[in-house]
PDB file of all heavy atoms in Angstrom:
ATOM      1  N   HIS A   1      -6.329  11.914 -12.484  1.00  0.00           N
ATOM      2  CA  HIS A   1      -6.956  10.976 -13.409  1.00  0.00           C
ATOM      3  C   HIS A   1      -5.911  10.136 -14.141  1.00  0.00           C
ATOM      4  O   HIS A   1      -6.045   8.914 -14.263  1.00  0.00           O
ATOM      5  CB  HIS A   1      -7.808  11.743 -14.427  1.00  0.00           C
ATOM      6  CG  HIS A   1      -8.478  10.870 -15.438  1.00  0.00           C
ATOM      7  ND1 HIS A   1      -9.778  10.431 -15.303  1.00  0.00           N
ATOM      8  CD2 HIS A   1      -8.037  10.342 -16.612  1.00  0.00           C
ATOM      9  CE1 HIS A   1     -10.098   9.669 -16.335  1.00  0.00           C
ATOM     10  NE2 HIS A   1      -9.051   9.601 -17.140  1.00  0.00           N
ATOM     11  N   GLU A   2      -4.856  10.788 -14.609  1.00  0.00           N
ATOM     12  CA  GLU A   2      -3.806  10.063 -15.334  1.00  0.00           C
ATOM     13  C   GLU A   2      -3.094   9.073 -14.426  1.00  0.00           C
ATOM     14  O   GLU A   2      -2.702   7.984 -14.860  1.00  0.00           O
ATOM     15  CB  GLU A   2      -2.825  11.063 -15.943  1.00  0.00           C
ATOM     16  CG  GLU A   2      -3.426  11.854 -17.102  1.00  0.00           C
ATOM     17  CD  GLU A   2      -2.463  12.868 -17.682  1.00  0.00           C
ATOM     18  OE1 GLU A   2      -1.537  13.291 -16.952  1.00  0.00           O
ATOM     19  OE2 GLU A   2      -2.642  13.247 -18.845  1.00  0.00           O
ATOM     20  N   GLN A   3      -2.926   9.440 -13.151  1.00  0.00           N
ATOM     21  CA  GLN A   3      -2.299   8.527 -12.197  1.00  0.00           C
ATOM     22  C   GLN A   3      -3.165   7.279 -11.997  1.00  0.00           C
ATOM     23  O   GLN A   3      -2.648   6.156 -11.940  1.00  0.00           O
ATOM     24  CB  GLN A   3      -2.077   9.238 -10.862  1.00  0.00           C
ATOM     25  CG  GLN A   3      -0.974  10.289 -10.900  1.00  0.00           C
ATOM     26  CD  GLN A   3      -0.892  11.105  -9.625  1.00  0.00           C
ATOM     27  OE1 GLN A   3      -1.811  11.087  -8.795  1.00  0.00           O
ATOM     28  NE2 GLN A   3       0.186  11.843  -9.454  1.00  0.00           N
ATOM     29  N   LYS A   4      -4.474   7.475 -11.880  1.00  0.00           N
ATOM     30  CA  LYS A   4      -5.390   6.344 -11.715  1.00  0.00           C
ATOM     31  C   LYS A   4      -5.436   5.481 -12.971  1.00  0.00           C
ATOM     32  O   LYS A   4      -5.522   4.248 -12.895  1.00  0.00           O
ATOM     33  CB  LYS A   4      -6.793   6.846 -11.362  1.00  0.00           C
ATOM     34  CG  LYS A   4      -6.902   7.457  -9.974  1.00  0.00           C
ATOM     35  CD  LYS A   4      -6.553   6.439  -8.901  1.00  0.00           C
ATOM     36  CE  LYS A   4      -6.587   7.031  -7.515  1.00  0.00           C
ATOM     37  NZ  LYS A   4      -6.180   6.065  -6.463  1.00  0.00           N
ATOM     38  N   ASN A   5      -5.381   6.120 -14.129  1.00  0.00           N
ATOM     39  CA  ASN A   5      -5.382   5.376 -15.385  1.00  0.00           C
ATOM     40  C   ASN A   5      -4.125   4.500 -15.483  1.00  0.00           C
ATOM     41  O   ASN A   5      -4.195   3.326 -15.856  1.00  0.00           O
ATOM     42  CB  ASN A   5      -5.448   6.340 -16.566  1.00  0.00           C
ATOM     43  CG  ASN A   5      -5.559   5.612 -17.891  1.00  0.00           C
ATOM     44  OD1 ASN A   5      -6.480   4.843 -18.121  1.00  0.00           O
ATOM     45  ND2 ASN A   5      -4.604   5.857 -18.773  1.00  0.00           N
ATOM     46  N   THR A   6      -2.993   5.081 -15.135  1.00  0.00           N
ATOM     47  CA  THR A   6      -1.738   4.326 -15.127  1.00  0.00           C
ATOM     48  C   THR A   6      -1.817   3.180 -14.129  1.00  0.00           C
ATOM     49  O   THR A   6      -1.370   2.057 -14.407  1.00  0.00           O
ATOM     50  CB  THR A   6      -0.567   5.247 -14.763  1.00  0.00           C
ATOM     51  OG1 THR A   6      -0.440   6.277 -15.760  1.00  0.00           O
ATOM     52  CG2 THR A   6       0.741   4.478 -14.682  1.00  0.00           C
ATOM     53  N   GLU A   7      -2.420   3.443 -12.974  1.00  0.00           N
ATOM     54  CA  GLU A   7      -2.544   2.420 -11.937  1.00  0.00           C
ATOM     55  C   GLU A   7      -3.377   1.241 -12.436  1.00  0.00           C
ATOM     56  O   GLU A   7      -3.057   0.077 -12.167  1.00  0.00           O
ATOM     57  CB  GLU A   7      -3.184   3.033 -10.693  1.00  0.00           C
ATOM     58  CG  GLU A   7      -3.148   2.139  -9.469  1.00  0.00           C
ATOM     59  CD  GLU A   7      -3.681   2.826  -8.240  1.00  0.00           C
ATOM     60  OE1 GLU A   7      -3.700   4.080  -8.207  1.00  0.00           O
ATOM     61  OE2 GLU A   7      -4.089   2.118  -7.286  1.00  0.00           O
ATOM     62  N   LEU A   8      -4.445   1.533 -13.178  1.00  0.00           N
ATOM     63  CA  LEU A   8      -5.297   0.463 -13.701  1.00  0.00           C
ATOM     64  C   LEU A   8      -4.529  -0.444 -14.653  1.00  0.00           C
ATOM     65  O   LEU A   8      -4.568  -1.672 -14.548  1.00  0.00           O
ATOM     66  CB  LEU A   8      -6.521   1.067 -14.402  1.00  0.00           C
ATOM     67  CG  LEU A   8      -7.583   0.077 -14.892  1.00  0.00           C
ATOM     68  CD1 LEU A   8      -8.977   0.700 -14.816  1.00  0.00           C
ATOM     69  CD2 LEU A   8      -7.313  -0.382 -16.330  1.00  0.00           C
ATOM     70  N   HIS A   9      -3.798   0.178 -15.579  1.00  0.00           N
ATOM     71  CA  HIS A   9      -3.061  -0.622 -16.563  1.00  0.00           C
ATOM     72  C   HIS A   9      -1.903  -1.371 -15.915  1.00  0.00           C
ATOM     73  O   HIS A   9      -1.606  -2.518 -16.273  1.00  0.00           O
ATOM     74  CB  HIS A   9      -2.570   0.269 -17.699  1.00  0.00           C
ATOM     75  CG  HIS A   9      -3.678   0.692 -18.624  1.00  0.00           C
ATOM     76  ND1 HIS A   9      -4.114  -0.090 -19.671  1.00  0.00           N
ATOM     77  CD2 HIS A   9      -4.452   1.798 -18.639  1.00  0.00           C
ATOM     78  CE1 HIS A   9      -5.109   0.525 -20.299  1.00  0.00           C
ATOM     79  NE2 HIS A   9      -5.333   1.664 -19.690  1.00  0.00           N
ATOM     80  N   GLN A  10      -1.260  -0.741 -14.938  1.00  0.00           N
ATOM     81  CA  GLN A  10      -0.169  -1.427 -14.258  1.00  0.00           C
ATOM     82  C   GLN A  10      -0.678  -2.569 -13.390  1.00  0.00           C
ATOM     83  O   GLN A  10       0.035  -3.553 -13.171  1.00  0.00           O
ATOM     84  CB  GLN A  10       0.626  -0.429 -13.420  1.00  0.00           C
ATOM     85  CG  GLN A  10       1.482   0.511 -14.257  1.00  0.00           C
ATOM     86  CD  GLN A  10       2.359   1.416 -13.432  1.00  0.00           C
ATOM     87  OE1 GLN A  10       2.114   1.614 -12.240  1.00  0.00           O
ATOM     88  NE2 GLN A  10       3.379   1.983 -14.044  1.00  0.00           N
ATOM     89  N   LEU A  11      -1.925  -2.474 -12.924  1.00  0.00           N
ATOM     90  CA  LEU A  11      -2.506  -3.550 -12.139  1.00  0.00           C
ATOM     91  C   LEU A  11      -2.645  -4.813 -12.990  1.00  0.00           C
ATOM     92  O   LEU A  11      -2.442  -5.928 -12.503  1.00  0.00           O
ATOM     93  CB  LEU A  11      -3.876  -3.130 -11.596  1.00  0.00           C
ATOM     94  CG  LEU A  11      -4.570  -4.111 -10.644  1.00  0.00           C
ATOM     95  CD1 LEU A  11      -3.695  -4.401  -9.423  1.00  0.00           C
ATOM     96  CD2 LEU A  11      -5.926  -3.551 -10.213  1.00  0.00           C
ATOM     97  N   ILE A  12      -2.969  -4.625 -14.259  1.00  0.00           N
ATOM     98  CA  ILE A  12      -3.029  -5.769 -15.180  1.00  0.00           C
ATOM     99  C   ILE A  12      -1.649  -6.404 -15.303  1.00  0.00           C
ATOM    100  O   ILE A  12      -1.492  -7.626 -15.220  1.00  0.00           O
ATOM    101  CB  ILE A  12      -3.546  -5.326 -16.560  1.00  0.00           C
ATOM    102  CG1 ILE A  12      -4.996  -4.846 -16.458  1.00  0.00           C
ATOM    103  CG2 ILE A  12      -3.429  -6.470 -17.586  1.00  0.00           C
ATOM    104  CD1 ILE A  12      -5.537  -4.240 -17.738  1.00  0.00           C
ATOM    105  N   ILE A  13      -0.637  -5.556 -15.485  1.00  0.00           N
ATOM    106  CA  ILE A  13       0.734  -6.054 -15.647  1.00  0.00           C
ATOM    107  C   ILE A  13       1.213  -6.753 -14.384  1.00  0.00           C
ATOM    108  O   ILE A  13       1.738  -7.874 -14.428  1.00  0.00           O
ATOM    109  CB  ILE A  13       1.674  -4.883 -15.997  1.00  0.00           C
ATOM    110  CG1 ILE A  13       1.280  -4.245 -17.334  1.00  0.00           C
ATOM    111  CG2 ILE A  13       3.121  -5.363 -16.038  1.00  0.00           C
ATOM    112  CD1 ILE A  13       1.393  -5.148 -18.527  1.00  0.00           C
ATOM    113  N   HIS A  14       1.037  -6.116 -13.236  1.00  0.00           N
ATOM    114  CA  HIS A  14       1.531  -6.670 -11.974  1.00  0.00           C
ATOM    115  C   HIS A  14       0.820  -7.968 -11.613  1.00  0.00           C
ATOM    116  O   HIS A  14       1.410  -8.859 -10.986  1.00  0.00           O
ATOM    117  CB  HIS A  14       1.350  -5.653 -10.842  1.00  0.00           C
ATOM    118  CG  HIS A  14       2.204  -4.440 -11.012  1.00  0.00           C
ATOM    119  ND1 HIS A  14       2.192  -3.382 -10.133  1.00  0.00           N
ATOM    120  CD2 HIS A  14       3.104  -4.100 -11.966  1.00  0.00           C
ATOM    121  CE1 HIS A  14       3.046  -2.454 -10.531  1.00  0.00           C
ATOM    122  NE2 HIS A  14       3.609  -2.868 -11.642  1.00  0.00           N
ATOM    123  N   SER A  15      -0.461  -8.080 -12.005  1.00  0.00           N
ATOM    124  CA  SER A  15      -1.250  -9.251 -11.625  1.00  0.00           C
ATOM    125  C   SER A  15      -0.965 -10.456 -12.511  1.00  0.00           C
ATOM    126  O   SER A  15      -1.493 -11.545 -12.259  1.00  0.00           O
ATOM    127  CB  SER A  15      -2.742  -8.909 -11.685  1.00  0.00           C
ATOM    128  OG  SER A  15      -3.046  -7.825 -10.827  1.00  0.00           O
ATOM    129  N   ALA A  16      -0.128 -10.275 -13.533  1.00  0.00           N
ATOM    130  CA  ALA A  16       0.217 -11.392 -14.414  1.00  0.00           C
ATOM    131  C   ALA A  16       1.211 -12.337 -13.757  1.00  0.00           C
ATOM    132  O   ALA A  16       1.357 -13.491 -14.173  1.00  0.00           O
ATOM    133  CB  ALA A  16       0.786 -10.874 -15.732  1.00  0.00           C
ATOM    134  N   GLY A  17       1.926 -11.848 -12.740  1.00  0.00           N
ATOM    135  CA  GLY A  17       2.873 -12.695 -12.017  1.00  0.00           C
ATOM    136  C   GLY A  17       4.184 -12.915 -12.736  1.00  0.00           C
ATOM    137  O   GLY A  17       4.872 -13.901 -12.478  1.00  0.00           O
ATOM    138  N   SER A  18       4.556 -11.973 -13.634  1.00  0.00           N
ATOM    139  CA  SER A  18       5.809 -12.099 -14.392  1.00  0.00           C
ATOM    140  C   SER A  18       6.679 -10.870 -14.163  1.00  0.00           C
ATOM    141  O   SER A  18       6.349  -9.774 -14.625  1.00  0.00           O
ATOM    142  CB  SER A  18       5.513 -12.262 -15.888  1.00  0.00           C
ATOM    143  OG  SER A  18       6.704 -12.175 -16.642  1.00  0.00           O
ATOM    144  N   GLY A  19       7.785 -11.069 -13.450  1.00  0.00           N
ATOM    145  CA  GLY A  19       8.684  -9.949 -13.191  1.00  0.00           C
ATOM    146  C   GLY A  19       9.313  -9.388 -14.449  1.00  0.00           C
ATOM    147  O   GLY A  19       9.485  -8.178 -14.590  1.00  0.00           O
ATOM    148  N   LYS A  20       9.673 -10.252 -15.387  1.00  0.00           N
ATOM    149  CA  LYS A  20      10.302  -9.799 -16.625  1.00  0.00           C
ATOM    150  C   LYS A  20       9.332  -8.995 -17.468  1.00  0.00           C
ATOM    151  O   LYS A  20       9.695  -7.977 -18.054  1.00  0.00           O
ATOM    152  CB  LYS A  20      10.806 -11.016 -17.418  1.00  0.00           C
ATOM    153  CG  LYS A  20      11.758 -10.642 -18.547  1.00  0.00           C
ATOM    154  CD  LYS A  20      13.014  -9.997 -18.006  1.00  0.00           C
ATOM    155  CE  LYS A  20      14.000  -9.654 -19.114  1.00  0.00           C
ATOM    156  NZ  LYS A  20      15.214  -8.991 -18.589  1.00  0.00           N
ATOM    157  N   LEU A  21       8.090  -9.452 -17.542  1.00  0.00           N
ATOM    158  CA  LEU A  21       7.079  -8.722 -18.296  1.00  0.00           C
ATOM    159  C   LEU A  21       6.874  -7.339 -17.683  1.00  0.00           C
ATOM    160  O   LEU A  21       6.770  -6.334 -18.417  1.00  0.00           O
ATOM    161  CB  LEU A  21       5.769  -9.523 -18.277  1.00  0.00           C
ATOM    162  CG  LEU A  21       4.672  -9.118 -19.270  1.00  0.00           C
ATOM    163  CD1 LEU A  21       3.751 -10.302 -19.546  1.00  0.00           C
ATOM    164  CD2 LEU A  21       3.851  -7.955 -18.757  1.00  0.00           C
ATOM    165  N   LYS A  22       6.826  -7.267 -16.373  1.00  0.00           N
ATOM    166  CA  LYS A  22       6.669  -5.991 -15.669  1.00  0.00           C
ATOM    167  C   LYS A  22       7.814  -5.047 -15.991  1.00  0.00           C
ATOM    168  O   LYS A  22       7.610  -3.852 -16.243  1.00  0.00           O
ATOM    169  CB  LYS A  22       6.590  -6.258 -14.162  1.00  0.00           C
ATOM    170  CG  LYS A  22       6.512  -5.014 -13.302  1.00  0.00           C
ATOM    171  CD  LYS A  22       6.493  -5.412 -11.828  1.00  0.00           C
ATOM    172  CE  LYS A  22       6.577  -4.195 -10.928  1.00  0.00           C
ATOM    173  NZ  LYS A  22       6.609  -4.579  -9.488  1.00  0.00           N
ATOM    174  N   GLU A  23       9.025  -5.568 -15.982  1.00  0.00           N
ATOM    175  CA  GLU A  23      10.215  -4.754 -16.262  1.00  0.00           C
ATOM    176  C   GLU A  23      10.192  -4.199 -17.680  1.00  0.00           C
ATOM    177  O   GLU A  23      10.470  -3.011 -17.908  1.00  0.00           O
ATOM    178  CB  GLU A  23      11.463  -5.612 -16.052  1.00  0.00           C
ATOM    179  CG  GLU A  23      12.774  -4.912 -16.337  1.00  0.00           C
ATOM    180  CD  GLU A  23      13.963  -5.849 -16.217  1.00  0.00           C
ATOM    181  OE1 GLU A  23      13.872  -6.846 -15.478  1.00  0.00           O
ATOM    182  OE2 GLU A  23      14.985  -5.588 -16.875  1.00  0.00           O
ATOM    183  N   MET A  24       9.850  -5.037 -18.650  1.00  0.00           N
ATOM    184  CA  MET A  24       9.803  -4.599 -20.046  1.00  0.00           C
ATOM    185  C   MET A  24       8.704  -3.569 -20.257  1.00  0.00           C
ATOM    186  O   MET A  24       8.888  -2.576 -20.979  1.00  0.00           O
ATOM    187  CB  MET A  24       9.568  -5.808 -20.950  1.00  0.00           C
ATOM    188  CG  MET A  24      10.720  -6.802 -20.977  1.00  0.00           C
ATOM    189  SD  MET A  24      10.310  -8.318 -21.877  1.00  0.00           S
ATOM    190  CE  MET A  24      10.151  -7.664 -23.549  1.00  0.00           C
ATOM    191  N   TYR A  25       7.567  -3.761 -19.632  1.00  0.00           N
ATOM    192  CA  TYR A  25       6.447  -2.839 -19.774  1.00  0.00           C
ATOM    193  C   TYR A  25       6.801  -1.467 -19.216  1.00  0.00           C
ATOM    194  O   TYR A  25       6.457  -0.440 -19.798  1.00  0.00           O
ATOM    195  CB  TYR A  25       5.222  -3.404 -19.058  1.00  0.00           C
ATOM    196  CG  TYR A  25       3.981  -2.548 -19.187  1.00  0.00           C
ATOM    197  CD1 TYR A  25       3.129  -2.682 -20.279  1.00  0.00           C
ATOM    198  CD2 TYR A  25       3.644  -1.618 -18.207  1.00  0.00           C
ATOM    199  CE1 TYR A  25       1.990  -1.909 -20.392  1.00  0.00           C
ATOM    200  CE2 TYR A  25       2.508  -0.836 -18.317  1.00  0.00           C
ATOM    201  CZ  TYR A  25       1.675  -0.988 -19.412  1.00  0.00           C
ATOM    202  OH  TYR A  25       0.551  -0.201 -19.516  1.00  0.00           O
ATOM    203  N   GLN A  26       7.475  -1.441 -18.085  1.00  0.00           N
ATOM    204  CA  GLN A  26       7.837  -0.179 -17.450  1.00  0.00           C
ATOM    205  C   GLN A  26       8.714   0.662 -18.366  1.00  0.00           C
ATOM    206  O   GLN A  26       8.525   1.877 -18.497  1.00  0.00           O
ATOM    207  CB  GLN A  26       8.563  -0.435 -16.124  1.00  0.00           C
ATOM    208  CG  GLN A  26       8.972   0.826 -15.382  1.00  0.00           C
ATOM    209  CD  GLN A  26       7.783   1.665 -14.984  1.00  0.00           C
ATOM    210  OE1 GLN A  26       6.752   1.143 -14.567  1.00  0.00           O
ATOM    211  NE2 GLN A  26       7.916   2.979 -15.110  1.00  0.00           N
ATOM    212  N   THR A  27       9.672   0.022 -19.020  1.00  0.00           N
ATOM    213  CA  THR A  27      10.555   0.743 -19.943  1.00  0.00           C
ATOM    214  C   THR A  27       9.770   1.312 -21.113  1.00  0.00           C
ATOM    215  O   THR A  27       9.965   2.468 -21.517  1.00  0.00           O
ATOM    216  CB  THR A  27      11.653  -0.196 -20.461  1.00  0.00           C
ATOM    217  OG1 THR A  27      12.429  -0.663 -19.343  1.00  0.00           O
ATOM    218  CG2 THR A  27      12.572   0.523 -21.435  1.00  0.00           C
ATOM    219  N   LEU A  28       8.870   0.509 -21.687  1.00  0.00           N
ATOM    220  CA  LEU A  28       8.062   0.977 -22.815  1.00  0.00           C
ATOM    221  C   LEU A  28       7.166   2.142 -22.403  1.00  0.00           C
ATOM    222  O   LEU A  28       7.045   3.140 -23.130  1.00  0.00           O
ATOM    223  CB  LEU A  28       7.194  -0.172 -23.344  1.00  0.00           C
ATOM    224  CG  LEU A  28       7.922  -1.303 -24.069  1.00  0.00           C
ATOM    225  CD1 LEU A  28       6.951  -2.440 -24.356  1.00  0.00           C
ATOM    226  CD2 LEU A  28       8.544  -0.803 -25.367  1.00  0.00           C
ATOM    227  N   ASN A  29       6.542   2.023 -21.259  1.00  0.00           N
ATOM    228  CA  ASN A  29       5.588   3.043 -20.824  1.00  0.00           C
ATOM    229  C   ASN A  29       6.267   4.375 -20.557  1.00  0.00           C
ATOM    230  O   ASN A  29       5.640   5.439 -20.670  1.00  0.00           O
ATOM    231  CB  ASN A  29       4.847   2.570 -19.571  1.00  0.00           C
ATOM    232  CG  ASN A  29       3.394   2.983 -19.587  1.00  0.00           C
ATOM    233  OD1 ASN A  29       2.750   2.962 -20.623  1.00  0.00           O
ATOM    234  ND2 ASN A  29       2.871   3.354 -18.440  1.00  0.00           N
ATOM    235  N   THR A  30       7.541   4.338 -20.216  1.00  0.00           N
ATOM    236  CA  THR A  30       8.296   5.571 -20.001  1.00  0.00           C
ATOM    237  C   THR A  30       8.311   6.423 -21.255  1.00  0.00           C
ATOM    238  O   THR A  30       8.109   7.643 -21.213  1.00  0.00           O
ATOM    239  CB  THR A  30       9.739   5.238 -19.575  1.00  0.00           C
ATOM    240  OG1 THR A  30       9.700   4.582 -18.305  1.00  0.00           O
ATOM    241  CG2 THR A  30      10.579   6.494 -19.462  1.00  0.00           C
ATOM    242  N   HIS A  31       8.521   5.807 -22.407  1.00  0.00           N
ATOM    243  CA  HIS A  31       8.581   6.552 -23.668  1.00  0.00           C
ATOM    244  C   HIS A  31       7.223   7.153 -24.014  1.00  0.00           C
ATOM    245  O   HIS A  31       7.143   8.275 -24.523  1.00  0.00           O
ATOM    246  CB  HIS A  31       9.052   5.631 -24.790  1.00  0.00           C
ATOM    247  CG  HIS A  31      10.460   5.168 -24.617  1.00  0.00           C
ATOM    248  ND1 HIS A  31      11.543   5.928 -25.003  1.00  0.00           N
ATOM    249  CD2 HIS A  31      10.975   4.044 -24.066  1.00  0.00           C
ATOM    250  CE1 HIS A  31      12.655   5.283 -24.707  1.00  0.00           C
ATOM    251  NE2 HIS A  31      12.334   4.147 -24.138  1.00  0.00           N
ATOM    252  N   ILE A  32       6.160   6.431 -23.729  1.00  0.00           N
ATOM    253  CA  ILE A  32       4.821   6.944 -23.995  1.00  0.00           C
ATOM    254  C   ILE A  32       4.530   8.131 -23.082  1.00  0.00           C
ATOM    255  O   ILE A  32       3.928   9.129 -23.509  1.00  0.00           O
ATOM    256  CB  ILE A  32       3.783   5.824 -23.809  1.00  0.00           C
ATOM    257  CG1 ILE A  32       4.000   4.746 -24.880  1.00  0.00           C
ATOM    258  CG2 ILE A  32       2.367   6.374 -23.889  1.00  0.00           C
ATOM    259  CD1 ILE A  32       3.158   3.504 -24.697  1.00  0.00           C
ATOM    260  N   THR A  33       4.967   8.045 -21.833  1.00  0.00           N
ATOM    261  CA  THR A  33       4.778   9.147 -20.888  1.00  0.00           C
ATOM    262  C   THR A  33       5.482  10.403 -21.373  1.00  0.00           C
ATOM    263  O   THR A  33       4.923  11.509 -21.338  1.00  0.00           O
ATOM    264  CB  THR A  33       5.317   8.767 -19.498  1.00  0.00           C
ATOM    265  OG1 THR A  33       4.593   7.634 -19.010  1.00  0.00           O
ATOM    266  CG2 THR A  33       5.163   9.922 -18.515  1.00  0.00           C
ATOM    267  N   ILE A  34       6.709  10.267 -21.845  1.00  0.00           N
ATOM    268  CA  ILE A  34       7.458  11.414 -22.357  1.00  0.00           C
ATOM    269  C   ILE A  34       6.743  12.034 -23.555  1.00  0.00           C
ATOM    270  O   ILE A  34       6.629  13.258 -23.672  1.00  0.00           O
ATOM    271  CB  ILE A  34       8.887  11.000 -22.753  1.00  0.00           C
ATOM    272  CG1 ILE A  34       9.689  10.625 -21.507  1.00  0.00           C
ATOM    273  CG2 ILE A  34       9.599  12.115 -23.514  1.00  0.00           C
ATOM    274  CD1 ILE A  34      11.040  10.065 -21.806  1.00  0.00           C
ATOM    275  N   ALA A  35       6.244  11.198 -24.454  1.00  0.00           N
ATOM    276  CA  ALA A  35       5.537  11.700 -25.634  1.00  0.00           C
ATOM    277  C   ALA A  35       4.289  12.477 -25.229  1.00  0.00           C
ATOM    278  O   ALA A  35       3.994  13.531 -25.795  1.00  0.00           O
ATOM    279  CB  ALA A  35       5.161  10.544 -26.560  1.00  0.00           C
ATOM    280  N   ARG A  36       3.568  11.978 -24.234  1.00  0.00           N
ATOM    281  CA  ARG A  36       2.357  12.663 -23.783  1.00  0.00           C
ATOM    282  C   ARG A  36       2.690  14.018 -23.165  1.00  0.00           C
ATOM    283  O   ARG A  36       1.999  15.007 -23.376  1.00  0.00           O
ATOM    284  CB  ARG A  36       1.614  11.786 -22.776  1.00  0.00           C
ATOM    285  CG  ARG A  36       0.843  10.647 -23.436  1.00  0.00           C
ATOM    286  CD  ARG A  36       0.042   9.858 -22.431  1.00  0.00           C
ATOM    287  NE  ARG A  36      -0.817   8.897 -23.107  1.00  0.00           N
ATOM    288  CZ  ARG A  36      -1.005   7.647 -22.731  1.00  0.00           C
ATOM    289  NH1 ARG A  36      -0.351   7.193 -21.670  1.00  0.00           N
ATOM    290  NH2 ARG A  36      -1.806   6.848 -23.392  1.00  0.00           N
ATOM    291  N   ILE A  37       3.752  14.061 -22.378  1.00  0.00           N
ATOM    292  CA  ILE A  37       4.179  15.323 -21.783  1.00  0.00           C
ATOM    293  C   ILE A  37       4.600  16.297 -22.869  1.00  0.00           C
ATOM    294  O   ILE A  37       4.297  17.488 -22.836  1.00  0.00           O
ATOM    295  CB  ILE A  37       5.341  15.088 -20.794  1.00  0.00           C
ATOM    296  CG1 ILE A  37       4.849  14.286 -19.586  1.00  0.00           C
ATOM    297  CG2 ILE A  37       5.948  16.400 -20.337  1.00  0.00           C
ATOM    298  CD1 ILE A  37       5.961  13.804 -18.674  1.00  0.00           C
ATOM    299  N   HIS A  38       5.294  15.781 -23.871  1.00  0.00           N
ATOM    300  CA  HIS A  38       5.840  16.601 -24.940  1.00  0.00           C
ATOM    301  C   HIS A  38       4.744  17.306 -25.741  1.00  0.00           C
ATOM    302  O   HIS A  38       4.853  18.490 -26.062  1.00  0.00           O
ATOM    303  CB  HIS A  38       6.670  15.729 -25.877  1.00  0.00           C
ATOM    304  CG  HIS A  38       7.262  16.461 -27.039  1.00  0.00           C
ATOM    305  ND1 HIS A  38       8.197  17.453 -26.891  1.00  0.00           N
ATOM    306  CD2 HIS A  38       7.034  16.350 -28.381  1.00  0.00           C
ATOM    307  CE1 HIS A  38       8.541  17.924 -28.080  1.00  0.00           C
ATOM    308  NE2 HIS A  38       7.839  17.275 -28.996  1.00  0.00           N
ATOM    309  N   CYS A  39       3.655  16.566 -26.054  1.00  0.00           N
ATOM    310  CA  CYS A  39       2.642  17.143 -26.927  1.00  0.00           C
ATOM    311  C   CYS A  39       1.497  17.800 -26.159  1.00  0.00           C
ATOM    312  O   CYS A  39       0.748  18.591 -26.729  1.00  0.00           O
ATOM    313  CB  CYS A  39       2.079  16.091 -27.888  1.00  0.00           C
ATOM    314  SG  CYS A  39       1.083  14.844 -27.069  1.00  0.00           S
ATOM    315  N   GLY A  40       1.360  17.452 -24.889  1.00  0.00           N
ATOM    316  CA  GLY A  40       0.354  18.137 -24.084  1.00  0.00           C
ATOM    317  C   GLY A  40      -1.059  17.612 -24.205  1.00  0.00           C
ATOM    318  O   GLY A  40      -1.939  18.010 -23.451  1.00  0.00           O
ATOM    319  N   GLY A  41      -1.344  16.752 -25.158  1.00  0.00           N
ATOM    320  CA  GLY A  41      -2.687  16.189 -25.286  1.00  0.00           C
ATOM    321  C   GLY A  41      -3.747  17.231 -25.556  1.00  0.00           C
ATOM    322  O   GLY A  41      -4.648  17.470 -24.757  1.00  0.00           O
ATOM    323  N   GLN A  42      -3.667  17.890 -26.731  1.00  0.00           N
ATOM    324  CA  GLN A  42      -4.531  19.026 -27.020  1.00  0.00           C
ATOM    325  C   GLN A  42      -6.019  18.706 -26.947  1.00  0.00           C
ATOM    326  O   GLN A  42      -6.816  19.537 -26.523  1.00  0.00           O
ATOM    327  CB  GLN A  42      -4.198  19.574 -28.423  1.00  0.00           C
ATOM    328  CG  GLN A  42      -2.783  20.130 -28.543  1.00  0.00           C
ATOM    329  CD  GLN A  42      -1.778  19.087 -29.012  1.00  0.00           C
ATOM    330  OE1 GLN A  42      -2.011  17.888 -28.875  1.00  0.00           O
ATOM    331  NE2 GLN A  42      -0.664  19.533 -29.562  1.00  0.00           N
ATOM    332  N   ASN A  43      -6.438  17.516 -27.360  1.00  0.00           N
ATOM    333  CA  ASN A  43      -7.858  17.161 -27.391  1.00  0.00           C
ATOM    334  C   ASN A  43      -8.212  16.156 -26.297  1.00  0.00           C
ATOM    335  O   ASN A  43      -9.173  15.416 -26.429  1.00  0.00           O
ATOM    336  CB  ASN A  43      -8.206  16.580 -28.772  1.00  0.00           C
ATOM    337  CG  ASN A  43      -7.938  17.579 -29.888  1.00  0.00           C
ATOM    338  OD1 ASN A  43      -8.300  18.741 -29.778  1.00  0.00           O
ATOM    339  ND2 ASN A  43      -7.287  17.125 -30.945  1.00  0.00           N
TER     340      ASN A  43
END
């Protein structure tokens, strides 16, 4: 489910046609991924 959710949001980014925007988004999303792994998403 999380993979599909990520795919949906990345589809928005990729479909914008901006390589720089894609690159910046990928870096930001990495930190959010780490935070989610760290806390486990209790609820």
